[in-house]
Amino acid sequence: MSAEYRIDIKSISGVIQAVLVDYRWLTYASEVNQIGVVQFEVDGNHNAIQYMTRDAQCEIWRRDVAAGIDWYMDFAGLIQDDNRAHDADGVERYTVTGYDAYSLLNRRIVAYPAETDNRSAYAAIPVETIAKSLVTYNLTSAGTVADGRKRLATLTGVTVEADQGR
C-alpha cells in the first residue's frame, strides 16, 4: 500500500473546520530557505470551500500503514489564492493555492529608518534574537509608529516564542 494523504483546513485561529480526503489532486513542496507551496483541487460544490478563506490554515498530513508510519504533518501553510473553473465537460473545479509561514515575511518590510538599533541594524546579537526581533517589530502589534516604525505592523494571528538568545 502506498502513502495516504489528507488535508486539514483550519480557521485563521487554528480551529479545525474540515478534513479532506476526497480532493481531486494534491501537490506540495518544501525546501530549505524557500517558500513552500501547496495546491489542491476539489469539486466546485464541495462543502469545505466555505472554510478555504484567505489565511485559513492548511495542513497536509501523511501516513503509510504498510511501512508502519502513522499520521504526521508534512506541510503547513496559509491559503492565499483560489480559482473556480469549469473543465471541458462543464464540471466545476475549485483549485486552492497556499504558502508556508515563510511567505508572511514577503508581506512586510522592515519599516524602521536605516540604522535604527535593534530594529533595522544589529550588532553582536544572536541570530535567533535578530530573527525574532524582525518578526516581532514588523509583523505584530509591537511595531508601532511611536516606536519609530513608518506605519503600524499588525498582522493578525502572529505570535513569537520567547527569545532564548541562540
N, C-alpha and C. Protein backbone atom coordinates (compact mmCIF):
# COMPACT_ATOMS: atom_id res chain seq x y z
N MET A 1 0.85 -1.18 0.00
CA MET A 1 0.00 0.00 0.00
C MET A 1 0.89 1.24 0.00
N SER A 2 0.47 2.25 -0.71
CA SER A 2 1.25 3.48 -0.77
C SER A 2 0.79 4.45 0.31
N ALA A 3 1.49 5.54 0.38
CA ALA A 3 1.17 6.57 1.37
C ALA A 3 -0.22 7.15 1.12
N GLU A 4 -0.86 7.57 2.20
CA GLU A 4 -2.15 8.24 2.15
C GLU A 4 -1.95 9.68 2.62
N TYR A 5 -2.77 10.57 2.08
CA TYR A 5 -2.69 11.98 2.44
C TYR A 5 -4.08 12.49 2.80
N ARG A 6 -4.10 13.47 3.69
CA ARG A 6 -5.34 14.17 4.00
C ARG A 6 -5.00 15.65 4.14
N ILE A 7 -6.00 16.48 3.94
CA ILE A 7 -5.82 17.93 4.04
C ILE A 7 -6.72 18.42 5.16
N ASP A 8 -6.13 19.01 6.18
CA ASP A 8 -6.89 19.61 7.26
C ASP A 8 -6.98 21.11 7.02
N ILE A 9 -8.20 21.62 7.03
CA ILE A 9 -8.43 23.06 6.88
C ILE A 9 -8.82 23.60 8.24
N LYS A 10 -8.11 24.63 8.69
CA LYS A 10 -8.38 25.24 9.98
C LYS A 10 -8.63 26.73 9.78
N SER A 11 -9.35 27.31 10.71
CA SER A 11 -9.57 28.76 10.66
C SER A 11 -8.24 29.47 10.91
N ILE A 12 -8.24 30.76 10.73
CA ILE A 12 -7.03 31.55 10.96
C ILE A 12 -6.55 31.41 12.40
N SER A 13 -7.47 31.13 13.31
CA SER A 13 -7.10 30.96 14.72
C SER A 13 -6.77 29.51 15.08
N GLY A 14 -6.81 28.60 14.11
CA GLY A 14 -6.39 27.23 14.34
C GLY A 14 -7.48 26.24 14.69
N VAL A 15 -8.74 26.63 14.56
CA VAL A 15 -9.86 25.72 14.84
C VAL A 15 -10.12 24.87 13.60
N ILE A 16 -10.12 23.56 13.77
CA ILE A 16 -10.33 22.67 12.61
C ILE A 16 -11.73 22.86 12.05
N GLN A 17 -11.80 23.02 10.73
CA GLN A 17 -13.06 23.26 10.03
C GLN A 17 -13.45 22.10 9.13
N ALA A 18 -12.46 21.45 8.52
CA ALA A 18 -12.74 20.36 7.58
C ALA A 18 -11.51 19.47 7.44
N VAL A 19 -11.77 18.20 7.18
CA VAL A 19 -10.71 17.23 6.87
C VAL A 19 -11.04 16.66 5.51
N LEU A 20 -10.16 16.88 4.55
CA LEU A 20 -10.42 16.46 3.17
C LEU A 20 -9.64 15.19 2.84
N VAL A 21 -10.37 14.20 2.39
CA VAL A 21 -9.74 13.01 1.82
C VAL A 21 -10.27 12.77 0.41
N ASP A 22 -11.24 13.58 0.02
CA ASP A 22 -11.89 13.42 -1.29
C ASP A 22 -11.48 14.53 -2.27
N TYR A 23 -10.27 15.01 -2.17
CA TYR A 23 -9.75 16.01 -3.12
C TYR A 23 -9.48 15.32 -4.46
N ARG A 24 -9.43 16.10 -5.52
CA ARG A 24 -9.17 15.54 -6.85
C ARG A 24 -7.67 15.29 -7.06
N TRP A 25 -6.86 16.26 -6.68
CA TRP A 25 -5.41 16.10 -6.74
C TRP A 25 -4.77 17.01 -5.70
N LEU A 26 -3.52 16.70 -5.38
CA LEU A 26 -2.77 17.43 -4.36
C LEU A 26 -1.30 17.43 -4.76
N THR A 27 -0.68 18.58 -4.62
CA THR A 27 0.77 18.68 -4.80
C THR A 27 1.30 19.71 -3.82
N TYR A 28 2.48 19.46 -3.30
CA TYR A 28 3.10 20.41 -2.39
C TYR A 28 4.61 20.21 -2.40
N ALA A 29 5.32 21.25 -1.99
CA ALA A 29 6.78 21.19 -1.97
C ALA A 29 7.31 22.07 -0.85
N SER A 30 8.30 21.57 -0.17
CA SER A 30 9.01 22.33 0.86
C SER A 30 10.49 22.25 0.57
N GLU A 31 11.17 23.38 0.70
CA GLU A 31 12.61 23.42 0.50
C GLU A 31 13.22 24.29 1.59
N VAL A 32 14.43 23.98 1.96
CA VAL A 32 15.14 24.80 2.93
C VAL A 32 15.38 26.18 2.33
N ASN A 33 15.10 27.20 3.10
CA ASN A 33 15.31 28.60 2.72
C ASN A 33 14.50 29.03 1.50
N GLN A 34 13.40 28.36 1.24
CA GLN A 34 12.49 28.72 0.16
C GLN A 34 11.07 28.72 0.69
N ILE A 35 10.20 29.43 0.04
CA ILE A 35 8.79 29.42 0.43
C ILE A 35 8.16 28.14 -0.10
N GLY A 36 7.55 27.38 0.81
CA GLY A 36 6.86 26.16 0.42
C GLY A 36 5.50 26.48 -0.16
N VAL A 37 5.02 25.58 -1.03
CA VAL A 37 3.75 25.82 -1.70
C VAL A 37 2.91 24.54 -1.69
N VAL A 38 1.60 24.72 -1.61
CA VAL A 38 0.65 23.62 -1.71
C VAL A 38 -0.44 24.02 -2.70
N GLN A 39 -0.88 23.06 -3.50
CA GLN A 39 -2.03 23.26 -4.37
C GLN A 39 -2.86 21.99 -4.35
N PHE A 40 -4.17 22.18 -4.38
CA PHE A 40 -5.06 21.03 -4.48
C PHE A 40 -6.36 21.47 -5.13
N GLU A 41 -7.13 20.48 -5.55
CA GLU A 41 -8.38 20.77 -6.23
C GLU A 41 -9.49 19.90 -5.65
N VAL A 42 -10.67 20.51 -5.48
CA VAL A 42 -11.87 19.78 -5.06
C VAL A 42 -12.98 20.11 -6.04
N ASP A 43 -14.07 19.36 -5.95
CA ASP A 43 -15.24 19.67 -6.77
C ASP A 43 -15.74 21.07 -6.43
N GLY A 44 -16.30 21.74 -7.39
CA GLY A 44 -16.75 23.12 -7.22
C GLY A 44 -17.88 23.30 -6.23
N ASN A 45 -18.53 22.21 -5.83
CA ASN A 45 -19.61 22.32 -4.85
C ASN A 45 -19.24 21.68 -3.51
N HIS A 46 -17.96 21.47 -3.28
CA HIS A 46 -17.50 20.82 -2.05
C HIS A 46 -17.88 21.67 -0.84
N ASN A 47 -18.38 21.05 0.20
CA ASN A 47 -18.82 21.75 1.39
C ASN A 47 -17.69 22.51 2.09
N ALA A 48 -16.47 22.03 2.00
CA ALA A 48 -15.34 22.66 2.70
C ALA A 48 -14.90 23.98 2.09
N ILE A 49 -15.35 24.31 0.90
CA ILE A 49 -14.93 25.55 0.24
C ILE A 49 -15.23 26.76 1.12
N GLN A 50 -16.30 26.72 1.86
CA GLN A 50 -16.66 27.85 2.72
C GLN A 50 -15.59 28.18 3.75
N TYR A 51 -14.73 27.21 4.07
CA TYR A 51 -13.68 27.41 5.07
C TYR A 51 -12.33 27.79 4.46
N MET A 52 -12.24 27.74 3.14
CA MET A 52 -10.97 27.98 2.46
C MET A 52 -10.80 29.45 2.14
N THR A 53 -10.78 30.27 3.17
CA THR A 53 -10.65 31.71 3.03
C THR A 53 -9.18 32.11 3.11
N ARG A 54 -8.90 33.33 2.69
CA ARG A 54 -7.52 33.81 2.75
C ARG A 54 -6.99 33.72 4.18
N ASP A 55 -5.82 33.15 4.31
CA ASP A 55 -5.11 32.95 5.57
C ASP A 55 -5.67 31.84 6.44
N ALA A 56 -6.66 31.09 5.94
CA ALA A 56 -7.05 29.88 6.65
C ALA A 56 -5.85 28.93 6.63
N GLN A 57 -5.70 28.16 7.69
CA GLN A 57 -4.56 27.24 7.77
C GLN A 57 -4.85 25.96 6.97
N CYS A 58 -3.83 25.47 6.33
CA CYS A 58 -3.94 24.27 5.51
C CYS A 58 -2.79 23.34 5.91
N GLU A 59 -3.13 22.17 6.40
CA GLU A 59 -2.11 21.20 6.82
C GLU A 59 -2.22 19.95 5.95
N ILE A 60 -1.09 19.46 5.50
CA ILE A 60 -1.05 18.21 4.76
C ILE A 60 -0.51 17.15 5.70
N TRP A 61 -1.32 16.12 5.91
CA TRP A 61 -0.96 15.00 6.78
C TRP A 61 -0.72 13.78 5.92
N ARG A 62 0.25 12.97 6.32
CA ARG A 62 0.66 11.79 5.54
C ARG A 62 0.81 10.59 6.47
N ARG A 63 0.49 9.42 5.95
CA ARG A 63 0.77 8.18 6.67
C ARG A 63 1.02 7.07 5.66
N ASP A 64 1.69 6.03 6.13
CA ASP A 64 1.94 4.84 5.32
C ASP A 64 1.76 3.63 6.23
N VAL A 65 0.57 3.07 6.21
CA VAL A 65 0.22 1.96 7.09
C VAL A 65 1.14 0.77 6.86
N ALA A 66 1.43 0.44 5.60
CA ALA A 66 2.26 -0.72 5.28
C ALA A 66 3.67 -0.57 5.85
N ALA A 67 4.17 0.66 5.91
CA ALA A 67 5.51 0.90 6.44
C ALA A 67 5.49 1.17 7.94
N GLY A 68 4.29 1.14 8.55
CA GLY A 68 4.18 1.37 9.99
C GLY A 68 4.31 2.84 10.38
N ILE A 69 4.03 3.73 9.45
CA ILE A 69 4.15 5.17 9.72
C ILE A 69 2.75 5.74 9.95
N ASP A 70 2.51 6.24 11.15
CA ASP A 70 1.22 6.83 11.50
C ASP A 70 1.14 8.26 10.95
N TRP A 71 -0.02 8.86 11.04
CA TRP A 71 -0.23 10.22 10.56
C TRP A 71 0.80 11.19 11.15
N TYR A 72 1.38 12.01 10.30
CA TYR A 72 2.23 13.11 10.74
C TYR A 72 2.03 14.28 9.78
N MET A 73 2.18 15.49 10.29
CA MET A 73 2.02 16.66 9.45
C MET A 73 3.28 16.85 8.62
N ASP A 74 3.11 16.88 7.30
CA ASP A 74 4.24 17.01 6.38
C ASP A 74 4.36 18.41 5.80
N PHE A 75 3.31 19.21 5.91
CA PHE A 75 3.32 20.57 5.38
C PHE A 75 2.27 21.38 6.13
N ALA A 76 2.59 22.64 6.40
CA ALA A 76 1.62 23.56 6.98
C ALA A 76 1.75 24.90 6.28
N GLY A 77 0.63 25.46 5.92
CA GLY A 77 0.66 26.75 5.23
C GLY A 77 -0.63 27.52 5.40
N LEU A 78 -0.70 28.63 4.71
CA LEU A 78 -1.86 29.51 4.74
C LEU A 78 -2.43 29.63 3.34
N ILE A 79 -3.73 29.48 3.23
CA ILE A 79 -4.39 29.61 1.92
C ILE A 79 -4.30 31.06 1.46
N GLN A 80 -3.91 31.24 0.20
CA GLN A 80 -3.76 32.59 -0.34
C GLN A 80 -4.62 32.84 -1.57
N ASP A 81 -4.75 31.87 -2.43
CA ASP A 81 -5.44 32.07 -3.70
C ASP A 81 -6.41 30.92 -3.95
N ASP A 82 -7.45 31.22 -4.72
CA ASP A 82 -8.37 30.17 -5.15
C ASP A 82 -8.81 30.48 -6.57
N ASN A 83 -9.32 29.46 -7.23
CA ASN A 83 -9.76 29.65 -8.60
C ASN A 83 -10.91 28.69 -8.89
N ARG A 84 -12.01 29.23 -9.32
CA ARG A 84 -13.14 28.41 -9.78
C ARG A 84 -13.06 28.35 -11.30
N ALA A 85 -13.21 27.16 -11.83
CA ALA A 85 -13.17 26.99 -13.28
C ALA A 85 -14.01 25.78 -13.66
N HIS A 86 -14.35 25.70 -14.92
CA HIS A 86 -15.08 24.55 -15.45
C HIS A 86 -14.17 23.80 -16.42
N ASP A 87 -14.17 22.48 -16.32
CA ASP A 87 -13.36 21.69 -17.25
C ASP A 87 -14.11 21.53 -18.57
N ALA A 88 -13.54 20.78 -19.51
CA ALA A 88 -14.11 20.61 -20.84
C ALA A 88 -15.50 19.98 -20.80
N ASP A 89 -15.79 19.22 -19.75
CA ASP A 89 -17.10 18.59 -19.62
C ASP A 89 -18.11 19.47 -18.87
N GLY A 90 -17.70 20.68 -18.50
CA GLY A 90 -18.58 21.58 -17.80
C GLY A 90 -18.64 21.37 -16.30
N VAL A 91 -17.76 20.51 -15.77
CA VAL A 91 -17.73 20.24 -14.33
C VAL A 91 -16.94 21.34 -13.63
N GLU A 92 -17.53 21.91 -12.59
CA GLU A 92 -16.87 22.99 -11.86
C GLU A 92 -15.79 22.44 -10.95
N ARG A 93 -14.64 23.07 -10.97
CA ARG A 93 -13.49 22.70 -10.13
C ARG A 93 -13.11 23.91 -9.29
N TYR A 94 -12.56 23.63 -8.11
CA TYR A 94 -12.11 24.68 -7.21
C TYR A 94 -10.66 24.36 -6.83
N THR A 95 -9.74 25.20 -7.25
CA THR A 95 -8.31 24.99 -7.02
C THR A 95 -7.84 25.99 -5.97
N VAL A 96 -7.06 25.49 -5.02
CA VAL A 96 -6.57 26.30 -3.90
C VAL A 96 -5.04 26.31 -3.93
N THR A 97 -4.46 27.46 -3.63
CA THR A 97 -3.01 27.59 -3.50
C THR A 97 -2.70 28.18 -2.14
N GLY A 98 -1.72 27.61 -1.47
CA GLY A 98 -1.28 28.13 -0.19
C GLY A 98 0.23 28.14 -0.10
N TYR A 99 0.73 28.91 0.85
CA TYR A 99 2.17 29.03 1.05
C TYR A 99 2.48 28.86 2.52
N ASP A 100 3.68 28.38 2.82
CA ASP A 100 4.04 28.16 4.22
C ASP A 100 4.31 29.49 4.94
N ALA A 101 4.64 29.40 6.21
CA ALA A 101 4.78 30.60 7.05
C ALA A 101 5.87 31.55 6.57
N TYR A 102 6.86 31.06 5.86
CA TYR A 102 7.90 31.96 5.35
C TYR A 102 7.31 33.02 4.43
N SER A 103 6.19 32.73 3.81
CA SER A 103 5.57 33.71 2.91
C SER A 103 5.11 34.96 3.65
N LEU A 104 4.87 34.83 4.96
CA LEU A 104 4.47 36.01 5.74
C LEU A 104 5.54 37.10 5.69
N LEU A 105 6.78 36.68 5.58
CA LEU A 105 7.87 37.66 5.53
C LEU A 105 7.81 38.52 4.27
N ASN A 106 7.21 37.99 3.21
CA ASN A 106 7.06 38.76 1.98
C ASN A 106 5.96 39.80 2.07
N ARG A 107 5.13 39.70 3.08
CA ARG A 107 4.02 40.64 3.23
C ARG A 107 4.43 41.93 3.92
N ARG A 108 5.57 41.93 4.52
CA ARG A 108 6.00 43.08 5.29
C ARG A 108 7.40 43.51 4.88
N ILE A 109 7.70 44.74 5.22
CA ILE A 109 9.05 45.25 5.05
C ILE A 109 9.55 45.67 6.43
N VAL A 110 10.85 45.82 6.55
CA VAL A 110 11.40 46.40 7.77
C VAL A 110 11.17 47.90 7.62
N ALA A 111 10.15 48.39 8.31
CA ALA A 111 9.70 49.78 8.10
C ALA A 111 10.24 50.73 9.16
N TYR A 112 11.45 50.47 9.60
CA TYR A 112 12.15 51.38 10.51
C TYR A 112 13.23 52.09 9.71
N PRO A 113 13.53 53.31 10.06
CA PRO A 113 14.62 54.01 9.36
C PRO A 113 15.93 53.20 9.43
N ALA A 114 16.75 53.36 8.44
CA ALA A 114 18.04 52.67 8.40
C ALA A 114 18.84 52.98 9.66
N GLU A 115 19.57 51.98 10.12
CA GLU A 115 20.46 52.08 11.27
C GLU A 115 19.74 52.32 12.60
N THR A 116 18.46 51.92 12.69
CA THR A 116 17.76 52.00 13.98
C THR A 116 18.17 50.79 14.80
N ASP A 117 18.80 51.04 15.95
CA ASP A 117 19.31 49.95 16.79
C ASP A 117 18.21 48.96 17.15
N ASN A 118 18.53 47.69 16.95
CA ASN A 118 17.65 46.56 17.29
C ASN A 118 16.30 46.58 16.57
N ARG A 119 16.22 47.30 15.47
CA ARG A 119 15.02 47.29 14.63
C ARG A 119 15.41 47.07 13.17
N SER A 120 16.41 47.81 12.70
CA SER A 120 16.88 47.63 11.32
C SER A 120 18.40 47.44 11.27
N ALA A 121 19.05 47.58 12.40
CA ALA A 121 20.50 47.38 12.49
C ALA A 121 20.82 46.60 13.76
N TYR A 122 21.69 45.62 13.63
CA TYR A 122 22.02 44.75 14.76
C TYR A 122 23.53 44.56 14.83
N ALA A 123 24.05 44.47 16.04
CA ALA A 123 25.48 44.24 16.22
C ALA A 123 25.68 43.31 17.42
N ALA A 124 26.48 42.28 17.23
CA ALA A 124 26.85 41.35 18.31
C ALA A 124 25.63 40.77 19.03
N ILE A 125 24.64 40.35 18.25
CA ILE A 125 23.41 39.78 18.80
C ILE A 125 23.21 38.40 18.17
N PRO A 126 22.74 37.42 18.95
CA PRO A 126 22.48 36.09 18.39
C PRO A 126 21.47 36.14 17.25
N VAL A 127 21.63 35.25 16.28
CA VAL A 127 20.76 35.20 15.11
C VAL A 127 19.30 35.02 15.52
N GLU A 128 19.03 34.16 16.50
CA GLU A 128 17.66 33.95 16.95
C GLU A 128 17.03 35.27 17.42
N THR A 129 17.78 36.05 18.15
CA THR A 129 17.27 37.33 18.66
C THR A 129 16.97 38.28 17.52
N ILE A 130 17.83 38.31 16.52
CA ILE A 130 17.60 39.17 15.35
C ILE A 130 16.33 38.73 14.62
N ALA A 131 16.20 37.44 14.35
CA ALA A 131 15.03 36.94 13.62
C ALA A 131 13.74 37.24 14.37
N LYS A 132 13.75 36.98 15.66
CA LYS A 132 12.53 37.20 16.44
C LYS A 132 12.22 38.69 16.56
N SER A 133 13.24 39.51 16.62
CA SER A 133 13.04 40.95 16.66
C SER A 133 12.42 41.44 15.35
N LEU A 134 12.94 40.97 14.23
CA LEU A 134 12.40 41.38 12.93
C LEU A 134 10.94 40.99 12.80
N VAL A 135 10.59 39.78 13.23
CA VAL A 135 9.19 39.34 13.16
C VAL A 135 8.34 40.15 14.14
N THR A 136 8.80 40.29 15.37
CA THR A 136 8.03 41.00 16.40
C THR A 136 7.71 42.42 15.98
N TYR A 137 8.71 43.14 15.49
CA TYR A 137 8.51 44.56 15.21
C TYR A 137 8.05 44.87 13.79
N ASN A 138 7.90 43.83 12.96
CA ASN A 138 7.43 44.07 11.60
C ASN A 138 6.18 43.27 11.23
N LEU A 139 5.72 42.40 12.15
CA LEU A 139 4.51 41.63 11.88
C LEU A 139 3.50 41.66 13.02
N THR A 140 3.87 42.14 14.19
CA THR A 140 2.94 42.13 15.32
C THR A 140 2.63 43.55 15.78
N SER A 141 1.75 43.66 16.75
CA SER A 141 1.34 44.98 17.26
C SER A 141 2.47 45.69 18.00
N ALA A 142 3.59 45.02 18.23
CA ALA A 142 4.73 45.67 18.87
C ALA A 142 5.38 46.71 17.95
N GLY A 143 5.17 46.57 16.66
CA GLY A 143 5.73 47.54 15.70
C GLY A 143 4.80 48.73 15.57
N THR A 144 5.13 49.81 16.26
CA THR A 144 4.25 50.99 16.28
C THR A 144 4.94 52.21 15.70
N VAL A 145 4.15 53.16 15.34
CA VAL A 145 4.67 54.44 14.86
C VAL A 145 5.41 55.14 15.99
N ALA A 146 4.89 55.02 17.21
CA ALA A 146 5.53 55.64 18.37
C ALA A 146 6.92 55.06 18.63
N ASP A 147 7.12 53.81 18.18
CA ASP A 147 8.40 53.14 18.33
C ASP A 147 9.36 53.50 17.19
N GLY A 148 8.90 54.27 16.22
CA GLY A 148 9.75 54.68 15.11
C GLY A 148 9.42 54.01 13.79
N ARG A 149 8.50 53.06 13.79
CA ARG A 149 8.13 52.39 12.55
C ARG A 149 7.34 53.37 11.68
N LYS A 150 7.49 53.27 10.38
CA LYS A 150 6.83 54.21 9.47
C LYS A 150 5.32 54.03 9.43
N ARG A 151 4.83 52.81 9.74
CA ARG A 151 3.39 52.55 9.84
C ARG A 151 3.19 51.34 10.73
N LEU A 152 1.97 51.14 11.21
CA LEU A 152 1.67 50.01 12.09
C LEU A 152 2.01 48.69 11.41
N ALA A 153 2.37 47.69 12.22
CA ALA A 153 2.84 46.43 11.67
C ALA A 153 1.87 45.27 11.85
N THR A 154 0.78 45.44 12.53
CA THR A 154 -0.05 44.33 12.97
C THR A 154 -0.52 43.43 11.84
N LEU A 155 -0.27 42.14 12.01
CA LEU A 155 -0.78 41.08 11.15
C LEU A 155 -1.44 40.08 12.10
N THR A 156 -2.72 39.93 12.00
CA THR A 156 -3.49 39.10 12.93
C THR A 156 -2.98 37.67 12.98
N GLY A 157 -2.88 37.14 14.20
CA GLY A 157 -2.57 35.73 14.38
C GLY A 157 -1.09 35.38 14.49
N VAL A 158 -0.21 36.36 14.44
CA VAL A 158 1.23 36.09 14.53
C VAL A 158 1.68 36.18 15.98
N THR A 159 2.35 35.15 16.44
CA THR A 159 2.95 35.16 17.77
C THR A 159 4.41 34.77 17.64
N VAL A 160 5.20 35.16 18.60
CA VAL A 160 6.63 34.88 18.59
C VAL A 160 7.00 34.19 19.90
N GLU A 161 7.69 33.06 19.80
CA GLU A 161 8.14 32.35 21.01
C GLU A 161 9.16 33.20 21.77
N ALA A 162 9.30 32.89 23.04
CA ALA A 162 10.29 33.60 23.86
C ALA A 162 11.68 33.44 23.28
N ASP A 163 12.45 34.50 23.33
CA ASP A 163 13.81 34.50 22.79
C ASP A 163 14.75 33.82 23.79
N GLN A 164 15.48 32.81 23.31
CA GLN A 164 16.45 32.13 24.14
C GLN A 164 17.88 32.53 23.79
N GLY A 165 18.01 33.48 22.89
CA GLY A 165 19.32 34.01 22.58
C GLY A 165 20.27 33.03 21.91
N ARG A 166 19.73 32.13 21.11
CA ARG A 166 20.58 31.13 20.44
C ARG A 166 21.10 31.65 19.13
